[in-house]
Amino acid sequence: MSDSFDFRELEFLTVGTLGPKGQREFFLQARAEGELLSLKMEKQQVAALADYLDQVLTDLPDATGISDPAAEDLGLREPVLTAFIVGSLGIAYAEEIDRLIVMAEAAPETDDEEEEVAHARFSASRAQIVGLVERARDLVAAGREPCPFCGRPLEPRNRDWCPCQN
């Protein structure tokens, strides 16, 4: 059986990166009850998660003016040890406790459909989600500049030259 995690009382929930531009690895990270969990993600997953969570917040009643003083320190905490690579994400809203639930499931390691994959569940306050969305958007925007012609990221090792410029 694979490891699974259920973080109900989050100390923090964040996204972050390791590595230089063009080689960054993205992580979803949380800590609850002294346990630190880091899940590796793709940049596109981080961007999609932020967009979807922002839309969910907009659709919830009384979602304006939410801030979290702890949201100022949303950097990754060391050690960043990957528990699993995220294959799929899900979002739910628990109205009775006014929490957004972020669920992550590991990418399967084999083609065996009966293989149990690891999963993680994070119960986050609206303020924690606002901080996560802002941080995710900042990280995604901090990537390599796009080529003005094709939109693909420019490679610094090529001095920002793109083959489509020929």
C-alpha atoms as a PDB file:
ATOM      1  CA  MET A   1       0.000   0.000   0.000  1.00  0.00           C
ATOM      2  CA  SER A   2       1.245   3.493  -0.852  1.00  0.00           C
ATOM      3  CA  ASP A   3       1.615   6.327   1.631  1.00  0.00           C
ATOM      4  CA  SER A   4      -1.312   8.666   1.962  1.00  0.00           C
ATOM      5  CA  PHE A   5      -1.627  11.922   3.850  1.00  0.00           C
ATOM      6  CA  ASP A   6      -4.564  13.796   5.366  1.00  0.00           C
ATOM      7  CA  PHE A   7      -3.587  17.275   6.582  1.00  0.00           C
ATOM      8  CA  ARG A   8      -6.555  18.811   8.393  1.00  0.00           C
ATOM      9  CA  GLU A   9      -4.957  21.567  10.492  1.00  0.00           C
ATOM     10  CA  LEU A  10      -2.444  23.143   8.120  1.00  0.00           C
ATOM     11  CA  GLU A  11       0.333  25.340   9.465  1.00  0.00           C
ATOM     12  CA  PHE A  12       0.946  26.417   5.873  1.00  0.00           C
ATOM     13  CA  LEU A  13       0.244  25.430   2.273  1.00  0.00           C
ATOM     14  CA  THR A  14       2.463  26.762  -0.493  1.00  0.00           C
ATOM     15  CA  VAL A  15       4.066  26.172  -3.845  1.00  0.00           C
ATOM     16  CA  GLY A  16       7.694  26.770  -4.667  1.00  0.00           C
ATOM     17  CA  THR A  17      10.540  25.933  -7.000  1.00  0.00           C
ATOM     18  CA  LEU A  18      14.052  24.595  -6.866  1.00  0.00           C
ATOM     19  CA  GLY A  19      16.629  25.131  -9.598  1.00  0.00           C
ATOM     20  CA  PRO A  20      17.432  27.807 -12.193  1.00  0.00           C
ATOM     21  CA  LYS A  21      14.980  29.132 -14.775  1.00  0.00           C
ATOM     22  CA  GLY A  22      14.412  26.605 -17.504  1.00  0.00           C
ATOM     23  CA  GLN A  23      15.255  23.763 -15.128  1.00  0.00           C
ATOM     24  CA  ARG A  24      12.999  24.562 -12.190  1.00  0.00           C
ATOM     25  CA  GLU A  25      11.169  21.833 -10.344  1.00  0.00           C
ATOM     26  CA  PHE A  26       7.799  22.843  -8.895  1.00  0.00           C
ATOM     27  CA  PHE A  27       6.485  21.640  -5.549  1.00  0.00           C
ATOM     28  CA  LEU A  28       3.290  21.783  -3.540  1.00  0.00           C
ATOM     29  CA  GLN A  29       4.294  21.793   0.103  1.00  0.00           C
ATOM     30  CA  ALA A  30       2.387  21.701   3.377  1.00  0.00           C
ATOM     31  CA  ARG A  31       3.022  21.205   7.052  1.00  0.00           C
ATOM     32  CA  ALA A  32       0.575  20.022   9.679  1.00  0.00           C
ATOM     33  CA  GLU A  33       1.201  18.703  13.171  1.00  0.00           C
ATOM     34  CA  GLY A  34       4.955  18.929  12.581  1.00  0.00           C
ATOM     35  CA  GLU A  35       4.910  16.780   9.422  1.00  0.00           C
ATOM     36  CA  LEU A  36       6.335  18.385   6.263  1.00  0.00           C
ATOM     37  CA  LEU A  37       5.134  17.070   2.904  1.00  0.00           C
ATOM     38  CA  SER A  38       6.535  18.030  -0.515  1.00  0.00           C
ATOM     39  CA  LEU A  39       4.870  16.908  -3.740  1.00  0.00           C
ATOM     40  CA  LYS A  40       6.530  17.426  -7.116  1.00  0.00           C
ATOM     41  CA  MET A  41       4.335  19.027  -9.786  1.00  0.00           C
ATOM     42  CA  GLU A  42       4.552  20.354 -13.320  1.00  0.00           C
ATOM     43  CA  LYS A  43       4.491  24.093 -13.953  1.00  0.00           C
ATOM     44  CA  GLN A  44       1.229  23.701 -15.872  1.00  0.00           C
ATOM     45  CA  GLN A  45      -0.346  21.923 -12.895  1.00  0.00           C
ATOM     46  CA  VAL A  46       0.631  24.803 -10.603  1.00  0.00           C
ATOM     47  CA  ALA A  47      -0.842  27.343 -13.030  1.00  0.00           C
ATOM     48  CA  ALA A  48      -4.065  25.359 -13.482  1.00  0.00           C
ATOM     49  CA  LEU A  49      -4.432  24.842  -9.731  1.00  0.00           C
ATOM     50  CA  ALA A  50      -4.089  28.589  -9.104  1.00  0.00           C
ATOM     51  CA  ASP A  51      -6.602  29.466 -11.819  1.00  0.00           C
ATOM     52  CA  TYR A  52      -9.157  26.954 -10.618  1.00  0.00           C
ATOM     53  CA  LEU A  53      -8.793  27.856  -6.924  1.00  0.00           C
ATOM     54  CA  ASP A  54      -9.173  31.538  -7.787  1.00  0.00           C
ATOM     55  CA  GLN A  55     -12.413  30.769  -9.618  1.00  0.00           C
ATOM     56  CA  VAL A  56     -13.705  28.694  -6.707  1.00  0.00           C
ATOM     57  CA  LEU A  57     -12.945  31.545  -4.287  1.00  0.00           C
ATOM     58  CA  THR A  58     -14.813  33.964  -6.549  1.00  0.00           C
ATOM     59  CA  ASP A  59     -17.854  31.679  -6.600  1.00  0.00           C
ATOM     60  CA  LEU A  60     -18.022  31.297  -2.807  1.00  0.00           C
ATOM     61  CA  PRO A  61     -20.202  33.688  -0.816  1.00  0.00           C
ATOM     62  CA  ASP A  62     -18.437  36.422   1.175  1.00  0.00           C
ATOM     63  CA  ALA A  63     -15.059  35.730  -0.431  1.00  0.00           C
ATOM     64  CA  THR A  64     -13.819  39.329  -0.532  1.00  0.00           C
ATOM     65  CA  GLY A  65     -11.243  40.936   1.720  1.00  0.00           C
ATOM     66  CA  ILE A  66      -9.573  37.714   2.879  1.00  0.00           C
ATOM     67  CA  SER A  67      -5.962  37.996   3.972  1.00  0.00           C
ATOM     68  CA  ASP A  68      -3.605  35.842   5.982  1.00  0.00           C
ATOM     69  CA  PRO A  69      -0.742  37.367   7.975  1.00  0.00           C
ATOM     70  CA  ALA A  70       1.178  34.091   7.645  1.00  0.00           C
ATOM     71  CA  ALA A  71       0.913  34.339   3.845  1.00  0.00           C
ATOM     72  CA  GLU A  72       3.945  36.631   3.811  1.00  0.00           C
ATOM     73  CA  ASP A  73       6.310  33.670   4.343  1.00  0.00           C
ATOM     74  CA  LEU A  74       5.321  31.144   1.691  1.00  0.00           C
ATOM     75  CA  GLY A  75       8.768  29.959   0.654  1.00  0.00           C
ATOM     76  CA  LEU A  76       9.590  26.256   0.601  1.00  0.00           C
ATOM     77  CA  ARG A  77      10.813  24.797   3.872  1.00  0.00           C
ATOM     78  CA  GLU A  78      13.837  22.515   3.997  1.00  0.00           C
ATOM     79  CA  PRO A  79      14.264  19.669   3.516  1.00  0.00           C
ATOM     80  CA  VAL A  80      12.354  19.391   0.241  1.00  0.00           C
ATOM     81  CA  LEU A  81      12.009  15.614  -0.064  1.00  0.00           C
ATOM     82  CA  THR A  82       9.573  14.479  -2.739  1.00  0.00           C
ATOM     83  CA  ALA A  83       6.917  12.162  -1.305  1.00  0.00           C
ATOM     84  CA  PHE A  84       5.468  11.580  -4.770  1.00  0.00           C
ATOM     85  CA  ILE A  85       4.963  13.135  -8.199  1.00  0.00           C
ATOM     86  CA  VAL A  86       1.452  14.509  -8.637  1.00  0.00           C
ATOM     87  CA  GLY A  87      -0.525  12.893 -11.420  1.00  0.00           C
ATOM     88  CA  SER A  88      -3.928  14.439 -10.776  1.00  0.00           C
ATOM     89  CA  LEU A  89      -5.494  17.139  -8.635  1.00  0.00           C
ATOM     90  CA  GLY A  90      -8.978  17.675  -7.273  1.00  0.00           C
ATOM     91  CA  ILE A  91     -10.728  20.460  -5.394  1.00  0.00           C
ATOM     92  CA  ALA A  92     -13.722  20.329  -3.072  1.00  0.00           C
ATOM     93  CA  TYR A  93     -15.418  22.747  -0.713  1.00  0.00           C
ATOM     94  CA  ALA A  94     -16.533  21.674   2.770  1.00  0.00           C
ATOM     95  CA  GLU A  95     -19.263  24.207   3.515  1.00  0.00           C
ATOM     96  CA  GLU A  96     -19.845  23.026   7.095  1.00  0.00           C
ATOM     97  CA  ILE A  97     -16.276  23.963   8.083  1.00  0.00           C
ATOM     98  CA  ASP A  98     -15.673  26.627   5.385  1.00  0.00           C
ATOM     99  CA  ARG A  99     -12.566  24.898   4.062  1.00  0.00           C
ATOM    100  CA  LEU A 100     -11.306  24.212   0.579  1.00  0.00           C
ATOM    101  CA  ILE A 101      -9.965  20.708   0.138  1.00  0.00           C
ATOM    102  CA  VAL A 102      -7.052  20.207  -2.240  1.00  0.00           C
ATOM    103  CA  MET A 103      -6.500  16.579  -3.185  1.00  0.00           C
ATOM    104  CA  ALA A 104      -3.436  15.270  -4.984  1.00  0.00           C
ATOM    105  CA  GLU A 105      -2.962  11.776  -6.334  1.00  0.00           C
ATOM    106  CA  ALA A 106       0.383  10.308  -7.328  1.00  0.00           C
ATOM    107  CA  ALA A 107       1.140   9.513 -10.933  1.00  0.00           C
ATOM    108  CA  PRO A 108       1.003   5.719 -11.283  1.00  0.00           C
ATOM    109  CA  GLU A 109       4.409   4.098 -11.468  1.00  0.00           C
ATOM    110  CA  THR A 110       3.208   1.106 -13.493  1.00  0.00           C
ATOM    111  CA  ASP A 111       0.376   0.229 -15.864  1.00  0.00           C
ATOM    112  CA  ASP A 112      -1.190  -2.032 -13.217  1.00  0.00           C
ATOM    113  CA  GLU A 113      -4.720  -0.655 -12.775  1.00  0.00           C
ATOM    114  CA  GLU A 114      -5.032  -2.370  -9.379  1.00  0.00           C
ATOM    115  CA  GLU A 115      -1.950  -0.633  -7.993  1.00  0.00           C
ATOM    116  CA  GLU A 116      -2.819   1.656  -5.088  1.00  0.00           C
ATOM    117  CA  VAL A 117      -1.319   5.081  -5.580  1.00  0.00           C
ATOM    118  CA  ALA A 118      -0.440   7.564  -2.876  1.00  0.00           C
ATOM    119  CA  HIS A 119      -2.675  10.530  -2.303  1.00  0.00           C
ATOM    120  CA  ALA A 120      -2.702  13.631  -0.138  1.00  0.00           C
ATOM    121  CA  ARG A 121      -5.582  15.725   1.147  1.00  0.00           C
ATOM    122  CA  PHE A 122      -5.162  19.281   2.432  1.00  0.00           C
ATOM    123  CA  SER A 123      -7.941  21.111   4.265  1.00  0.00           C
ATOM    124  CA  ALA A 124      -7.138  24.817   3.841  1.00  0.00           C
ATOM    125  CA  SER A 125      -8.724  28.058   4.954  1.00  0.00           C
ATOM    126  CA  ARG A 126      -9.742  30.624   2.369  1.00  0.00           C
ATOM    127  CA  ALA A 127      -6.862  32.835   3.495  1.00  0.00           C
ATOM    128  CA  GLN A 128      -4.372  30.000   2.921  1.00  0.00           C
ATOM    129  CA  ILE A 129      -5.818  29.437  -0.550  1.00  0.00           C
ATOM    130  CA  VAL A 130      -5.543  33.165  -1.381  1.00  0.00           C
ATOM    131  CA  GLY A 131      -1.854  33.055  -0.406  1.00  0.00           C
ATOM    132  CA  LEU A 132      -1.303  29.885  -2.439  1.00  0.00           C
ATOM    133  CA  VAL A 133      -2.951  31.395  -5.538  1.00  0.00           C
ATOM    134  CA  GLU A 134      -0.882  34.604  -5.339  1.00  0.00           C
ATOM    135  CA  ARG A 135       2.356  32.687  -4.802  1.00  0.00           C
ATOM    136  CA  ALA A 136       1.610  30.241  -7.636  1.00  0.00           C
ATOM    137  CA  ARG A 137       0.915  33.047 -10.091  1.00  0.00           C
ATOM    138  CA  ASP A 138       4.136  34.841  -9.114  1.00  0.00           C
ATOM    139  CA  LEU A 139       6.192  31.663  -9.598  1.00  0.00           C
ATOM    140  CA  VAL A 140       4.673  30.819 -12.965  1.00  0.00           C
ATOM    141  CA  ALA A 141       5.163  34.391 -14.207  1.00  0.00           C
ATOM    142  CA  ALA A 142       8.804  34.371 -13.061  1.00  0.00           C
ATOM    143  CA  GLY A 143       9.779  31.816 -15.701  1.00  0.00           C
ATOM    144  CA  ARG A 144      11.686  32.361 -18.910  1.00  0.00           C
ATOM    145  CA  GLU A 145      10.535  35.085 -21.273  1.00  0.00           C
ATOM    146  CA  PRO A 146       8.467  33.834 -24.213  1.00  0.00           C
ATOM    147  CA  CYS A 147       9.587  34.193 -27.813  1.00  0.00           C
ATOM    148  CA  PRO A 148       7.685  37.146 -29.310  1.00  0.00           C
ATOM    149  CA  PHE A 149       6.982  35.093 -32.460  1.00  0.00           C
ATOM    150  CA  CYS A 150       6.020  31.589 -31.309  1.00  0.00           C
ATOM    151  CA  GLY A 151       5.446  32.007 -27.572  1.00  0.00           C
ATOM    152  CA  ARG A 152       7.752  29.171 -26.524  1.00  0.00           C
ATOM    153  CA  PRO A 153      10.133  29.933 -23.620  1.00  0.00           C
ATOM    154  CA  LEU A 154      13.469  31.387 -24.692  1.00  0.00           C
ATOM    155  CA  GLU A 155      16.599  29.466 -23.727  1.00  0.00           C
ATOM    156  CA  PRO A 156      19.195  31.527 -21.819  1.00  0.00           C
ATOM    157  CA  ARG A 157      21.936  29.177 -23.044  1.00  0.00           C
ATOM    158  CA  ASN A 158      21.055  30.324 -26.609  1.00  0.00           C
ATOM    159  CA  ARG A 159      21.204  33.977 -25.550  1.00  0.00           C
ATOM    160  CA  ASP A 160      17.413  34.137 -25.906  1.00  0.00           C
ATOM    161  CA  TRP A 161      17.529  33.268 -29.592  1.00  0.00           C
ATOM    162  CA  CYS A 162      14.691  31.107 -30.957  1.00  0.00           C
ATOM    163  CA  PRO A 163      14.885  28.962 -34.129  1.00  0.00           C
ATOM    164  CA  CYS A 164      11.637  30.475 -35.384  1.00  0.00           C
ATOM    165  CA  GLN A 165      13.501  33.780 -35.845  1.00  0.00           C
ATOM    166  CA  ASN A 166      15.215  32.395 -38.969  1.00  0.00           C
END
